[in-house]
Protein backbone atom coordinates (compact mmCIF):
# COMPACT_ATOMS: atom_id res chain seq x y z
CA MET A 1 -44.87 92.05 186.63
CA LYS A 2 -43.22 92.99 183.35
CA ARG A 3 -46.11 95.27 182.44
CA THR A 4 -45.88 96.98 185.85
CA LEU A 5 -42.16 97.57 185.38
CA VAL A 6 -42.71 99.05 181.93
CA TYR A 7 -45.46 101.29 183.31
CA CYS A 8 -43.18 102.51 186.13
CA LEU A 9 -40.40 103.27 183.67
CA GLU A 10 -42.81 105.21 181.47
CA VAL A 11 -43.96 107.25 184.47
CA VAL A 12 -40.37 108.00 185.52
CA LEU A 13 -39.41 108.92 181.95
CA THR A 14 -42.44 111.20 181.60
CA ILE A 15 -41.69 112.95 184.88
CA THR A 16 -38.03 113.34 183.94
CA ILE A 17 -38.82 114.82 180.52
CA THR A 18 -41.38 117.15 182.08
CA LEU A 19 -38.92 118.39 184.71
CA ILE A 20 -36.21 118.95 182.11
CA GLY A 21 -38.71 120.88 180.00
CA ILE A 22 -39.70 123.06 182.96
CA VAL A 23 -36.06 123.79 183.78
CA LYS A 24 -35.21 124.59 180.15
CA LEU A 25 -38.24 126.83 179.72
CA GLY A 26 -37.51 128.54 183.03
CA HIS A 27 -34.02 129.33 181.75
CA ALA A 28 -35.41 130.57 178.42
CA LEU A 29 -38.03 132.78 180.09
CA ARG A 30 -35.63 134.31 182.66
CA PRO A 31 -35.28 138.10 182.86
CA ILE A 32 -32.29 138.47 180.53
CA ASP A 33 -31.32 141.83 182.07
CA THR A 34 -29.87 139.74 184.91
CA ASP A 35 -27.60 137.66 182.64
CA ASP A 36 -24.49 139.73 183.21
CA VAL A 37 -24.58 139.15 186.97
CA HIS A 38 -23.57 135.60 186.06
CA THR A 39 -20.45 137.09 184.47
CA GLN A 40 -19.84 139.35 187.47
CA VAL A 41 -19.89 136.42 189.89
CA GLU A 42 -17.88 134.09 187.66
CA VAL A 43 -15.18 136.67 186.91
CA PHE A 44 -14.91 137.65 190.57
CA HIS A 45 -14.38 134.06 191.64
CA SER A 46 -11.80 133.55 188.91
CA LEU A 47 -9.46 136.01 190.66
CA PRO A 48 -6.46 134.41 192.37
CA GLN A 49 -7.28 133.51 195.98
CA ASN A 50 -7.00 136.47 198.38
CA SER A 51 -5.62 138.83 195.72
CA ALA A 52 -8.04 141.78 196.08
CA GLU A 53 -7.26 144.05 199.02
CA VAL A 54 -10.23 146.38 198.41
CA ILE A 55 -13.65 145.17 197.27
CA VAL A 56 -16.47 147.52 196.30
CA TYR A 57 -20.06 146.46 197.08
CA GLY A 58 -23.38 148.09 196.29
CA SER A 59 -25.88 149.06 193.63
CA SER A 60 -25.40 150.38 190.10
CA HIS A 61 -24.18 153.62 191.67
CA ALA A 62 -21.07 151.65 192.67
CA PHE A 63 -21.05 149.27 189.69
CA ARG A 64 -21.00 152.18 187.23
CA GLY A 65 -19.37 154.75 189.47
CA LEU A 66 -15.95 153.56 190.63
CA ASP A 67 -13.16 152.47 188.28
CA PRO A 68 -10.78 149.94 189.92
CA MET A 69 -8.21 150.17 187.15
CA GLU A 70 -7.86 153.91 187.78
CA ALA A 71 -7.24 153.19 191.48
CA TYR A 72 -4.58 150.68 190.45
CA LYS A 73 -2.85 152.96 187.95
CA GLU A 74 -2.78 155.94 190.32
CA TYR A 75 -2.19 154.24 193.68
CA GLY A 76 -1.44 150.57 193.04
CA ILE A 77 -4.62 149.47 194.82
CA GLY A 78 -5.77 145.91 194.13
CA MET A 79 -9.49 146.70 193.87
CA TYR A 80 -12.43 144.76 192.44
CA ASN A 81 -15.87 146.30 191.91
CA TYR A 82 -18.40 143.66 193.03
CA GLY A 83 -21.44 145.91 192.71
CA TRP A 84 -24.55 145.25 190.67
CA HIS A 85 -27.89 146.81 189.71
CA TRP A 86 -30.81 147.44 192.11
CA GLN A 87 -29.11 146.23 195.25
CA LYS A 88 -30.92 146.82 198.52
CA MET A 89 -28.77 146.38 201.61
CA ASN A 90 -29.46 142.70 202.22
CA THR A 91 -28.54 142.01 198.59
CA THR A 92 -25.27 143.82 199.20
CA LYS A 93 -24.82 141.77 202.39
CA MET A 94 -25.21 138.59 200.33
CA PHE A 95 -22.54 139.74 197.83
CA LEU A 96 -20.22 140.56 200.73
CA LYS A 97 -20.58 137.11 202.28
CA ASP A 98 -20.18 135.46 198.89
CA SER A 99 -16.97 137.37 198.22
CA LEU A 100 -15.37 136.12 201.42
CA THR A 101 -15.42 132.53 200.17
CA SER A 102 -12.52 133.35 197.84
CA GLN A 103 -11.10 136.68 199.00
CA LYS A 104 -10.05 138.29 202.27
CA PRO A 105 -9.87 142.02 201.56
CA LYS A 106 -8.37 144.55 203.91
CA VAL A 107 -11.15 147.05 203.14
CA ALA A 108 -14.83 146.61 202.26
CA LEU A 109 -16.03 149.71 200.42
CA VAL A 110 -19.82 149.68 200.72
CA GLU A 111 -21.92 152.07 198.60
CA CYS A 112 -25.20 152.87 200.33
CA PHE A 113 -27.67 154.67 198.07
CA TYR A 114 -30.29 152.05 199.04
CA VAL A 115 -29.27 151.91 202.68
CA GLY A 116 -32.86 152.55 203.76
CA SER A 117 -34.22 149.55 201.83
CA VAL A 118 -34.21 145.86 202.74
CA ILE A 119 -35.99 143.20 200.68
CA ASN A 120 -38.30 141.34 203.03
CA ASN A 121 -41.08 138.93 202.04
CA LYS A 122 -41.46 140.41 198.55
CA ASP A 123 -42.80 139.03 195.29
CA MET A 124 -40.23 137.73 192.84
CA SER A 125 -38.21 140.36 191.00
CA ALA A 126 -35.15 140.39 188.77
CA GLU A 127 -33.03 141.43 191.77
CA ILE A 128 -34.09 138.41 193.81
CA PHE A 129 -33.84 136.10 190.80
CA TYR A 130 -30.20 136.94 190.08
CA SER A 131 -29.15 135.59 193.46
CA ARG A 132 -29.31 132.18 191.69
CA TYR A 133 -25.79 132.88 190.39
CA ILE A 134 -24.22 133.51 193.82
CA LYS A 135 -21.67 130.85 194.78
CA ASP A 136 -22.02 130.89 198.57
CA ARG A 137 -25.03 128.68 199.29
CA ALA A 138 -25.35 129.76 202.94
CA ALA A 139 -25.49 133.47 202.01
CA LYS A 140 -27.88 132.73 199.17
CA TRP A 141 -30.30 130.71 201.35
CA GLU A 142 -30.26 133.36 204.06
CA TYR A 143 -31.15 135.94 201.42
CA ILE A 144 -33.92 133.82 199.87
CA ARG A 145 -35.49 133.31 203.30
CA GLU A 146 -35.41 137.06 203.90
CA CYS A 147 -36.98 137.72 200.51
CA CYS A 148 -39.64 135.00 200.53
CA GLY A 149 -40.55 134.80 204.22
CA ASN A 150 -42.93 131.90 204.93
CA ASP A 151 -44.76 132.10 201.61
CA LEU A 152 -44.22 128.78 199.81
CA GLY A 153 -45.59 130.26 196.60
CA LYS A 154 -42.71 132.70 196.48
CA TYR A 155 -40.20 129.89 196.81
CA LEU A 156 -41.97 128.20 193.92
CA THR A 157 -41.48 131.25 191.69
CA TYR A 158 -37.78 131.28 192.60
CA PHE A 159 -37.11 127.63 191.78
CA ILE A 160 -39.59 127.35 188.88
CA PRO A 161 -39.25 130.79 187.23
CA ILE A 162 -41.60 129.82 184.39
CA SER A 163 -44.42 130.31 186.91
CA TYR A 164 -43.55 134.02 187.32
CA PHE A 165 -41.73 135.14 184.17
CA HIS A 166 -44.15 133.48 181.73
CA ASP A 167 -44.90 136.84 180.10
CA ASN A 168 -41.44 136.62 178.52
CA TRP A 169 -42.92 133.97 176.22
CA THR A 170 -43.41 136.70 173.59
CA GLU A 171 -39.62 137.26 173.55
CA LEU A 172 -38.73 133.60 173.19
CA SER A 173 -35.87 132.93 170.77
CA LYS A 174 -33.23 130.31 170.09
CA GLY A 175 -30.62 132.39 171.89
CA ARG A 176 -32.55 132.25 175.15
CA PHE A 177 -31.94 128.51 175.39
CA LYS A 178 -28.14 128.85 175.21
CA SER A 179 -25.81 128.80 178.21
CA LEU A 180 -25.00 132.18 179.71
CA PRO A 181 -21.95 133.81 178.10
CA ILE A 182 -19.08 135.55 179.89
CA ASN A 183 -18.88 139.28 179.12
CA SER A 184 -15.19 140.13 178.77
CA THR A 185 -15.82 143.76 179.77
CA TYR A 186 -15.88 142.70 183.41
CA LYS A 187 -12.51 140.98 183.13
CA TYR A 188 -10.84 144.05 181.70
CA ASN A 189 -12.43 146.51 184.13
CA MET A 190 -12.29 144.42 187.32
CA GLY A 191 -16.07 144.24 187.65
CA TYR A 192 -16.78 147.86 186.76
CA MET A 193 -19.11 148.76 183.86
CA PRO A 194 -18.09 152.04 182.18
CA MET A 195 -20.72 154.33 180.67
CA HIS A 196 -19.36 156.87 178.20
CA ASP A 197 -22.23 159.20 177.31
CA ALA A 198 -22.77 162.44 179.25
CA SER A 199 -25.91 164.17 180.52
CA ASP A 200 -26.28 167.61 182.06
CA VAL A 201 -27.06 166.90 185.72
CA ASP A 202 -27.73 169.25 188.62
CA ILE A 203 -25.71 167.77 191.49
CA LEU A 204 -27.76 168.21 194.63
CA LYS A 205 -26.34 169.98 197.65
CA TYR A 206 -26.33 167.98 200.84
CA GLU A 207 -27.80 170.79 202.93
CA ASP A 208 -30.87 170.76 200.69
CA LEU A 209 -31.59 167.07 201.31
CA ALA A 210 -34.25 166.22 203.88
CA GLN A 211 -33.03 163.68 206.45
CA LYS A 212 -34.67 160.47 207.67
CA LYS A 213 -33.95 157.86 210.33
CA LEU A 214 -33.01 154.34 209.32
CA LYS A 215 -35.57 151.63 210.03
CA ASP A 216 -34.65 148.83 212.44
CA ASN A 217 -34.32 146.22 209.69
CA ALA A 218 -31.88 148.46 207.79
CA VAL A 219 -29.82 149.04 210.93
CA GLY A 220 -29.79 145.30 211.59
CA CYS A 221 -28.53 144.65 208.08
CA LEU A 222 -25.79 147.26 208.43
CA GLU A 223 -24.75 145.78 211.75
CA GLU A 224 -24.48 142.34 210.20
CA ILE A 225 -22.28 143.75 207.43
CA VAL A 226 -20.02 145.42 210.01
CA ASN A 227 -19.89 142.34 212.25
CA THR A 228 -19.09 140.06 209.32
CA CYS A 229 -16.21 142.33 208.36
CA LYS A 230 -14.89 142.66 211.90
CA GLU A 231 -14.93 138.87 212.32
CA ASN A 232 -12.68 138.71 209.26
CA ASP A 233 -10.41 141.64 210.22
CA ILE A 234 -11.78 143.80 207.41
CA GLU A 235 -12.14 147.56 207.71
CA VAL A 236 -15.51 148.93 206.61
CA VAL A 237 -15.94 152.16 204.64
CA PHE A 238 -19.50 153.16 203.78
CA TYR A 239 -19.85 155.86 201.15
CA ILE A 240 -22.40 157.78 199.11
CA GLN A 241 -21.53 159.42 195.81
CA PRO A 242 -23.02 162.78 194.79
CA THR A 243 -25.86 162.58 192.25
CA GLY A 244 -28.91 164.45 191.08
CA ASN A 245 -31.09 162.11 193.13
CA GLU A 246 -32.21 162.83 196.67
CA TRP A 247 -30.62 160.77 199.41
CA LYS A 248 -31.91 161.13 202.94
CA TYR A 249 -29.67 159.10 205.23
CA GLY A 250 -26.46 161.11 205.59
CA ASP A 251 -27.02 162.10 209.20
CA ALA A 252 -28.17 158.58 210.07
CA MET A 253 -25.08 157.05 208.48
CA GLU A 254 -22.77 159.51 210.26
CA GLU A 255 -24.35 158.42 213.54
CA PHE A 256 -24.19 154.72 212.67
CA ALA A 257 -20.54 154.86 211.60
CA ALA A 258 -19.50 156.71 214.77
CA ALA A 259 -21.33 154.16 216.93
CA HIS A 260 -19.82 151.14 215.15
CA ASP A 261 -16.23 152.32 214.72
CA CYS A 262 -16.23 152.42 210.94
CA TYR A 263 -15.95 155.07 208.24
CA PHE A 264 -18.64 156.92 206.33
CA LEU A 265 -17.72 159.13 203.38
CA ASN A 266 -20.49 161.58 202.55
CA LEU A 267 -19.17 162.64 199.18
CA PHE A 268 -21.99 165.13 198.63
CA ASN A 269 -19.84 167.36 200.84
CA VAL A 270 -16.70 167.19 198.69
CA VAL A 271 -17.94 167.59 195.11
CA GLN A 272 -15.36 170.29 194.34
CA GLU A 273 -12.51 168.32 195.91
CA ILE A 274 -13.41 165.31 193.77
CA GLY A 275 -13.68 167.58 190.73
CA LEU A 276 -17.09 166.36 189.61
CA ASP A 277 -18.79 168.42 186.92
CA GLY A 278 -22.52 167.93 186.32
CA LYS A 279 -22.10 168.74 182.63
CA THR A 280 -19.40 166.20 181.83
CA ASP A 281 -19.17 163.47 184.49
CA TYR A 282 -22.65 161.91 184.63
CA PHE A 283 -24.28 159.30 182.42
CA ASP A 284 -27.69 160.19 183.85
CA LYS A 285 -29.18 161.77 186.95
CA GLY A 286 -28.09 158.96 189.24
CA HIS A 287 -24.95 157.48 187.67
CA LEU A 288 -21.47 158.67 186.86
CA ASN A 289 -19.98 158.10 183.42
CA SER A 290 -16.43 156.89 182.81
CA THR A 291 -14.80 160.28 183.46
CA GLY A 292 -16.74 160.68 186.71
CA ALA A 293 -15.89 157.11 187.76
CA ARG A 294 -12.18 157.83 187.29
CA LYS A 295 -12.45 160.98 189.39
CA MET A 296 -14.25 159.00 192.07
CA ALA A 297 -11.51 156.35 192.01
CA ASP A 298 -8.84 159.05 192.32
CA TYR A 299 -10.50 160.62 195.35
CA ILE A 300 -11.39 157.39 197.16
CA GLY A 301 -8.06 155.83 196.21
CA ARG A 302 -6.21 158.68 197.87
CA PHE A 303 -8.36 158.25 201.01
CA LEU A 304 -7.63 154.52 201.10
CA VAL A 305 -3.85 154.77 200.83
CA GLU A 306 -3.78 157.53 203.44
CA ASN A 307 -5.81 155.57 205.98
CA PHE A 308 -5.00 151.88 205.43
CA ASP A 309 -1.90 149.75 205.02
CA LEU A 310 -2.41 148.60 201.45
CA THR A 311 0.09 146.85 199.21
CA ASP A 312 1.23 148.82 196.18
CA MET A 313 0.31 146.08 193.74
CA ARG A 314 2.40 147.76 191.05
CA THR A 315 5.41 146.31 192.87
CA VAL A 316 3.98 142.77 192.66
CA GLU A 317 5.06 141.08 189.46
CA ASN A 318 2.36 139.73 187.16
CA ASN A 319 -0.51 140.70 189.45
CA PRO A 320 -4.09 140.47 188.04
CA TRP A 321 -4.38 144.24 187.45
CA GLU A 322 -1.08 144.35 185.58
CA GLN A 323 -2.21 141.40 183.48
CA VAL A 324 -5.29 143.42 182.47
CA LEU A 325 -3.16 146.40 181.46
CA ASN A 326 -0.87 144.20 179.40
CA LYS A 327 -3.63 142.60 177.34
């Protein structure tokens, strides 16, 4: 009896040590270019409850392209930029649902460069992997099911990342075993990541862009975004910023917005009004730099205050944006 008990304890201890090792190695072998999304999520959820009246969602075109602090300084808008790299529309939908667990914005500002793309039954990628940091479990599980489908092997790669990201073994270092740090840049820029270098970019003209229809799964995703917002009394503004990259869904988005009683800002049509200069305002072909992001915030900020009843947060003592400015 005693020998059996000892044997059972040894088995349990071995399994426990093995599982801890797998978890630790999975953390060490993660794609480290997703580390900062942990900061983005943590900083967002550290905001005072229901303090942000405008939340920006979308890919790196939003994340790098719209400066909330400029919108605050010019118009008093309480804005947070909750964008992140690579986002297809169901990733954006997940971020939207996650945000509503701690905030109830008046306006959801949804960037839609990847509006034609939905992750569905795909192999593991850094974009799918970073959903691990999302707080809202329901939104996260919905997203994982969309991404992995019925393939149990794909779920395995999500929960045991060592099975997929093992090639990162060559980059293994002591630092990879540490807990994820918080990047203070996100705190001081309300989620936005400024890029300061400039490239000479030819901004494409909208009339030169070939147009495509949206696929049914993309339309379904957009409808879920709109319905989620309407259920929470949130106005939806879709937008696309001008870049040197082709974007083929302007006509489709105009049609969708008209049919679903929401806004769509096709900013390819107002490059001069925004004041964007291809020689000074772009970090690269697809992304604005800090001067371009301020111009974008000025233009969109003016649209927001003209069309929605937003609080001038500059009149609210010790608000989160003022705290940032005073640091």
